[in-house]
Amino acid sequence: MPFVLVSSTDFSCEHRRVLLGMVRSFGKLSTHTGMVCGVKDVESRHLAATDAFARLVGLTRGGEVAGRLDGDMPCAGTAEFAEHYRREDLRLLHGSDLDARVSVLNVHRYASGTAAFVFEKSLLKHRPTCEVPGTVYCAYPADVSHFLRFFPASLGPCATGCPMRCTPAAPSLHGVALSEYEHLVCFLLANGWSFAETAEFMNRAQPGRTRRSADTIHKCKNRICERLGRNSDSRGFRRLLADAGLAGAAPRPLFELLLGSRTLPDCTKRQR
């Protein structure tokens, strides 16, 4: 039997019992640890959280989080990107994999200052009734210096706090499959990088046998446009990428690079 989404207004006594158990668990975690975690309903409204999350968004206790949307938080950085967080929640809630986990890198000014956190999100499943009452999230801090090393504040919205999710496999663009290399190029272009800035980033992060130039990136864009059967107008291409959600869909190697996990590997066998 497939799972169905259940609004918090339709919670049964059993759903509320499960939620109460989570509230108690978060209370214990708040007493003994500094873990950042919580649970939201299917409308992205927070139901419960630890004290550590509450402090992150400008509150004092986990109980103060309940009933708030991200846009209702005192933390201006969190409120500013509330719509991005809601879209990530919806992508998870309406996906086909009930056991899916989403990793999202958030870099913005929290209540305590500018910081980077990786939020791991998954579905809250109530298996006895085959229902999904919401999502569960946990977060851990990342070294913001790794992020700022590659994304100075002048380069694109992803450098100024726009949430960035880890994309395990290269996506398709209107039915056209992208290679890992093309995915990285499209991600940077969608975030407002110029062809020259994109080429320079690729030369630093993924060196090839010869240095890439703005023309190298321009030709990559043209090849994608040809497969799409569209004209190669640069401004229109960027809009197409942004509308497809590629501005927030970071390739896994880049995502891990920004966390300082490992060096971005050479994902192509020949110079592009």
Protein backbone atom coordinates (compact mmCIF):
# COMPACT_ATOMS: atom_id res chain seq x y z
CA MET A 1 0.00 0.00 0.00
CA PRO A 2 1.54 3.39 -0.96
CA PHE A 3 2.26 6.07 1.62
CA VAL A 4 0.14 9.22 1.62
CA LEU A 5 0.91 12.71 2.95
CA VAL A 6 -1.05 13.80 6.02
CA SER A 7 -1.54 17.44 7.01
CA SER A 8 -0.91 18.33 10.65
CA THR A 9 -4.54 19.48 10.87
CA ASP A 10 -5.56 15.89 10.19
CA PHE A 11 -3.22 14.21 12.67
CA SER A 12 -4.77 11.28 14.49
CA CYS A 13 -4.18 10.45 18.15
CA GLU A 14 -1.48 8.03 17.00
CA HIS A 15 0.30 10.71 14.97
CA ARG A 16 0.24 13.02 17.98
CA ARG A 17 1.61 10.24 20.19
CA VAL A 18 4.55 9.79 17.82
CA LEU A 19 5.14 13.57 17.75
CA LEU A 20 5.07 13.74 21.54
CA GLY A 21 7.70 11.02 21.63
CA MET A 22 9.90 13.08 19.32
CA VAL A 23 9.41 16.19 21.47
CA ARG A 24 10.62 14.22 24.49
CA SER A 25 13.60 12.90 22.53
CA PHE A 26 14.54 16.41 21.43
CA GLY A 27 14.31 17.52 25.05
CA LYS A 28 16.81 14.85 26.10
CA LEU A 29 19.11 15.71 23.22
CA SER A 30 18.96 19.37 24.22
CA THR A 31 19.97 18.49 27.77
CA HIS A 32 22.88 16.24 26.91
CA THR A 33 24.07 17.34 23.44
CA GLY A 34 24.25 20.30 21.10
CA MET A 35 22.58 18.45 18.23
CA VAL A 36 20.68 20.53 15.68
CA CYS A 37 17.59 18.60 14.63
CA GLY A 38 13.83 18.84 14.35
CA VAL A 39 10.70 17.83 12.50
CA LYS A 40 8.34 19.68 10.13
CA ASP A 41 4.86 18.91 8.85
CA VAL A 42 4.05 18.52 5.14
CA GLU A 43 3.47 22.29 4.87
CA SER A 44 7.06 22.92 6.11
CA ARG A 45 5.81 24.18 9.46
CA HIS A 46 8.10 23.24 12.33
CA LEU A 47 6.52 20.87 14.83
CA ALA A 48 9.42 20.40 17.24
CA ALA A 49 13.18 20.99 17.45
CA THR A 50 16.14 20.89 19.77
CA ASP A 51 17.33 23.93 21.69
CA ALA A 52 20.44 24.07 19.48
CA PHE A 53 18.30 24.61 16.38
CA ALA A 54 16.24 27.23 18.21
CA ARG A 55 19.37 29.21 19.10
CA LEU A 56 20.58 28.94 15.50
CA VAL A 57 17.46 30.73 14.23
CA GLY A 58 17.29 33.40 16.93
CA LEU A 59 15.10 31.69 19.54
CA THR A 60 15.94 30.31 22.99
CA ARG A 61 14.21 26.95 23.43
CA GLY A 62 13.11 24.20 21.08
CA GLY A 63 9.52 24.66 22.19
CA GLU A 64 9.51 28.17 20.69
CA VAL A 65 10.08 26.71 17.22
CA ALA A 66 6.79 24.78 17.10
CA GLY A 67 4.15 26.31 14.83
CA ARG A 68 6.57 28.52 12.90
CA LEU A 69 7.51 28.48 9.24
CA ASP A 70 11.11 29.31 8.35
CA GLY A 71 9.87 32.72 7.25
CA ASP A 72 8.65 33.36 10.80
CA MET A 73 12.08 32.93 12.40
CA PRO A 74 13.79 35.94 14.03
CA CYS A 75 16.98 35.02 12.15
CA ALA A 76 16.91 37.21 9.02
CA GLY A 77 19.09 34.81 7.02
CA THR A 78 16.77 31.87 7.64
CA ALA A 79 13.66 33.93 6.87
CA GLU A 80 15.20 35.25 3.65
CA PHE A 81 15.63 31.77 2.19
CA ALA A 82 12.43 30.25 3.58
CA GLU A 83 10.96 29.66 0.12
CA HIS A 84 14.08 27.74 -0.95
CA TYR A 85 13.78 25.50 2.11
CA ARG A 86 10.11 24.90 1.42
CA ARG A 87 10.88 23.83 -2.16
CA GLU A 88 13.49 21.38 -0.91
CA ASP A 89 10.95 19.91 1.51
CA LEU A 90 8.37 19.56 -1.28
CA ARG A 91 10.91 17.90 -3.58
CA LEU A 92 11.52 15.30 -0.87
CA LEU A 93 7.84 14.87 0.03
CA HIS A 94 6.75 14.37 -3.57
CA GLY A 95 9.67 12.24 -4.69
CA SER A 96 9.35 8.61 -5.63
CA ASP A 97 11.82 7.27 -3.04
CA LEU A 98 10.39 7.06 0.46
CA ASP A 99 13.81 6.28 1.91
CA ALA A 100 15.52 9.19 0.15
CA ARG A 101 17.82 11.51 2.05
CA VAL A 102 18.67 15.02 0.91
CA SER A 103 21.85 16.92 1.84
CA VAL A 104 21.61 20.72 1.63
CA LEU A 105 24.44 23.17 2.32
CA ASN A 106 23.18 26.42 3.86
CA VAL A 107 25.60 29.32 4.12
CA HIS A 108 24.14 32.53 5.50
CA ARG A 109 24.01 34.76 8.54
CA TYR A 110 22.47 32.84 11.43
CA ALA A 111 21.66 34.38 14.81
CA SER A 112 25.29 33.84 15.90
CA GLY A 113 26.86 35.11 12.66
CA THR A 114 27.73 33.81 9.21
CA ALA A 115 28.10 30.03 9.24
CA ALA A 116 27.80 26.96 7.05
CA PHE A 117 25.57 24.02 7.98
CA VAL A 118 24.77 20.83 6.12
CA PHE A 119 21.15 19.81 6.69
CA GLU A 120 20.29 16.14 6.17
CA LYS A 121 16.57 15.69 5.48
CA SER A 122 14.43 12.56 5.26
CA LEU A 123 10.77 11.63 5.39
CA LEU A 124 8.97 11.08 8.67
CA LYS A 125 7.11 7.81 7.99
CA HIS A 126 4.34 6.35 10.13
CA ARG A 127 4.46 2.78 8.87
CA PRO A 128 1.44 1.37 10.79
CA THR A 129 -0.88 3.66 8.82
CA CYS A 130 1.31 3.95 5.68
CA GLU A 131 1.34 7.74 6.04
CA VAL A 132 3.95 10.50 5.88
CA PRO A 133 3.21 13.28 8.42
CA GLY A 134 6.27 15.35 7.55
CA THR A 135 10.05 15.53 7.33
CA VAL A 136 12.90 15.11 9.80
CA TYR A 137 16.08 17.19 9.66
CA CYS A 138 19.46 17.10 11.36
CA ALA A 139 22.38 19.44 10.75
CA TYR A 140 26.10 19.62 11.36
CA PRO A 141 28.45 22.57 10.94
CA ALA A 142 30.82 22.84 7.99
CA ASP A 143 33.94 24.97 7.65
CA VAL A 144 32.73 28.11 5.89
CA SER A 145 36.28 28.85 4.73
CA HIS A 146 36.09 26.00 2.20
CA PHE A 147 32.95 27.53 0.74
CA LEU A 148 34.32 31.07 0.59
CA ARG A 149 37.54 29.85 -0.98
CA PHE A 150 35.65 28.88 -4.13
CA PHE A 151 32.64 31.18 -3.90
CA PRO A 152 33.68 34.73 -3.01
CA ALA A 153 30.76 36.99 -2.17
CA SER A 154 30.81 38.68 -5.57
CA LEU A 155 30.04 35.53 -7.54
CA GLY A 156 26.41 34.50 -7.80
CA PRO A 157 23.53 33.89 -5.38
CA CYS A 158 24.93 30.53 -4.28
CA ALA A 159 27.80 32.51 -2.73
CA THR A 160 25.51 34.68 -0.63
CA GLY A 161 23.40 32.08 1.13
CA CYS A 162 21.17 30.38 -1.43
CA PRO A 163 20.73 26.75 -0.27
CA MET A 164 22.67 24.23 -2.31
CA ARG A 165 21.59 20.60 -2.39
CA CYS A 166 23.88 17.72 -3.17
CA THR A 167 22.89 16.04 -6.45
CA PRO A 168 24.26 12.46 -6.56
CA ALA A 169 23.87 12.02 -10.32
CA ALA A 170 23.94 14.47 -13.21
CA PRO A 171 20.35 15.55 -13.97
CA SER A 172 18.61 15.86 -17.29
CA LEU A 173 17.63 19.22 -18.75
CA HIS A 174 14.24 19.02 -20.46
CA GLY A 175 14.90 15.37 -21.25
CA VAL A 176 18.52 15.88 -22.35
CA ALA A 177 20.99 14.02 -20.14
CA LEU A 178 23.93 16.08 -18.88
CA SER A 179 27.39 14.72 -18.25
CA GLU A 180 28.98 15.46 -14.87
CA TYR A 181 31.17 18.07 -16.58
CA GLU A 182 28.16 19.73 -18.23
CA HIS A 183 26.29 19.63 -14.94
CA LEU A 184 29.05 21.58 -13.22
CA VAL A 185 29.21 24.14 -16.05
CA CYS A 186 25.43 24.57 -16.00
CA PHE A 187 25.40 24.93 -12.21
CA LEU A 188 27.92 27.77 -12.33
CA LEU A 189 26.25 29.53 -15.27
CA ALA A 190 22.84 29.23 -13.58
CA ASN A 191 24.30 31.03 -10.57
CA GLY A 192 25.32 34.02 -12.67
CA TRP A 193 28.97 33.20 -13.29
CA SER A 194 30.45 34.53 -16.52
CA PHE A 195 32.07 32.22 -19.06
CA ALA A 196 35.49 33.51 -18.00
CA GLU A 197 34.78 32.98 -14.27
CA THR A 198 33.48 29.49 -14.97
CA ALA A 199 36.59 28.63 -17.00
CA GLU A 200 38.87 29.91 -14.25
CA PHE A 201 37.02 27.87 -11.63
CA MET A 202 37.31 24.73 -13.76
CA ASN A 203 41.04 25.35 -14.24
CA ARG A 204 41.55 25.59 -10.47
CA ALA A 205 39.22 22.87 -9.30
CA GLN A 206 39.48 20.39 -12.16
CA PRO A 207 42.72 20.99 -14.15
CA GLY A 208 42.88 19.59 -17.68
CA ARG A 209 45.72 19.03 -20.12
CA THR A 210 45.20 22.56 -21.45
CA ARG A 211 43.71 25.59 -19.76
CA ARG A 212 40.05 26.29 -20.43
CA SER A 213 38.99 29.70 -21.66
CA ALA A 214 35.70 31.57 -21.85
CA ASP A 215 35.38 30.19 -25.38
CA THR A 216 35.69 26.61 -24.03
CA ILE A 217 32.69 27.17 -21.77
CA HIS A 218 30.77 28.99 -24.50
CA LYS A 219 31.20 26.00 -26.81
CA CYS A 220 30.02 23.63 -24.07
CA LYS A 221 26.89 25.75 -23.68
CA ASN A 222 26.33 25.71 -27.45
CA ARG A 223 26.57 21.90 -27.57
CA ILE A 224 23.90 21.61 -24.90
CA CYS A 225 21.68 24.08 -26.76
CA GLU A 226 22.04 22.06 -29.97
CA ARG A 227 20.87 18.90 -28.19
CA LEU A 228 17.96 20.85 -26.73
CA GLY A 229 17.03 22.22 -30.15
CA ARG A 230 17.10 25.78 -28.81
CA ASN A 231 18.95 28.93 -29.81
CA SER A 232 22.19 29.68 -27.99
CA ASP A 233 21.31 33.08 -26.51
CA SER A 234 23.30 33.22 -23.28
CA ARG A 235 20.73 35.14 -21.24
CA GLY A 236 17.93 32.83 -22.30
CA PHE A 237 20.08 29.79 -21.54
CA ARG A 238 20.74 31.02 -17.99
CA ARG A 239 17.01 31.54 -17.45
CA LEU A 240 16.37 28.03 -18.75
CA LEU A 241 18.88 26.60 -16.25
CA ALA A 242 17.48 28.61 -13.35
CA ASP A 243 13.88 27.62 -14.19
CA ALA A 244 14.98 23.96 -14.25
CA GLY A 245 16.31 24.31 -10.68
CA LEU A 246 19.97 23.86 -11.59
CA ALA A 247 21.06 26.93 -9.62
CA GLY A 248 20.64 24.98 -6.39
CA ALA A 249 21.62 21.52 -7.66
CA ALA A 250 25.33 21.12 -6.94
CA PRO A 251 27.17 18.11 -8.39
CA ARG A 252 28.26 15.75 -5.60
CA PRO A 253 32.02 16.23 -6.25
CA LEU A 254 31.63 20.01 -5.97
CA PHE A 255 29.44 19.67 -2.88
CA GLU A 256 32.07 17.53 -1.18
CA LEU A 257 34.83 19.89 -2.29
CA LEU A 258 33.05 22.81 -0.63
CA LEU A 259 32.89 20.79 2.60
CA GLY A 260 36.60 20.04 2.40
CA SER A 261 35.90 16.32 1.96
CA ARG A 262 38.11 15.65 -1.02
CA THR A 263 39.51 17.12 -4.20
CA LEU A 264 37.18 17.44 -7.16
CA PRO A 265 38.11 14.52 -9.45
CA ASP A 266 38.66 14.75 -13.17
CA CYS A 267 35.26 13.55 -14.37
CA THR A 268 36.19 13.59 -18.04
CA LYS A 269 38.80 11.62 -19.93
CA ARG A 270 39.56 14.41 -22.36
CA GLN A 271 39.69 18.16 -22.43
CA ARG A 272 36.27 19.72 -22.98
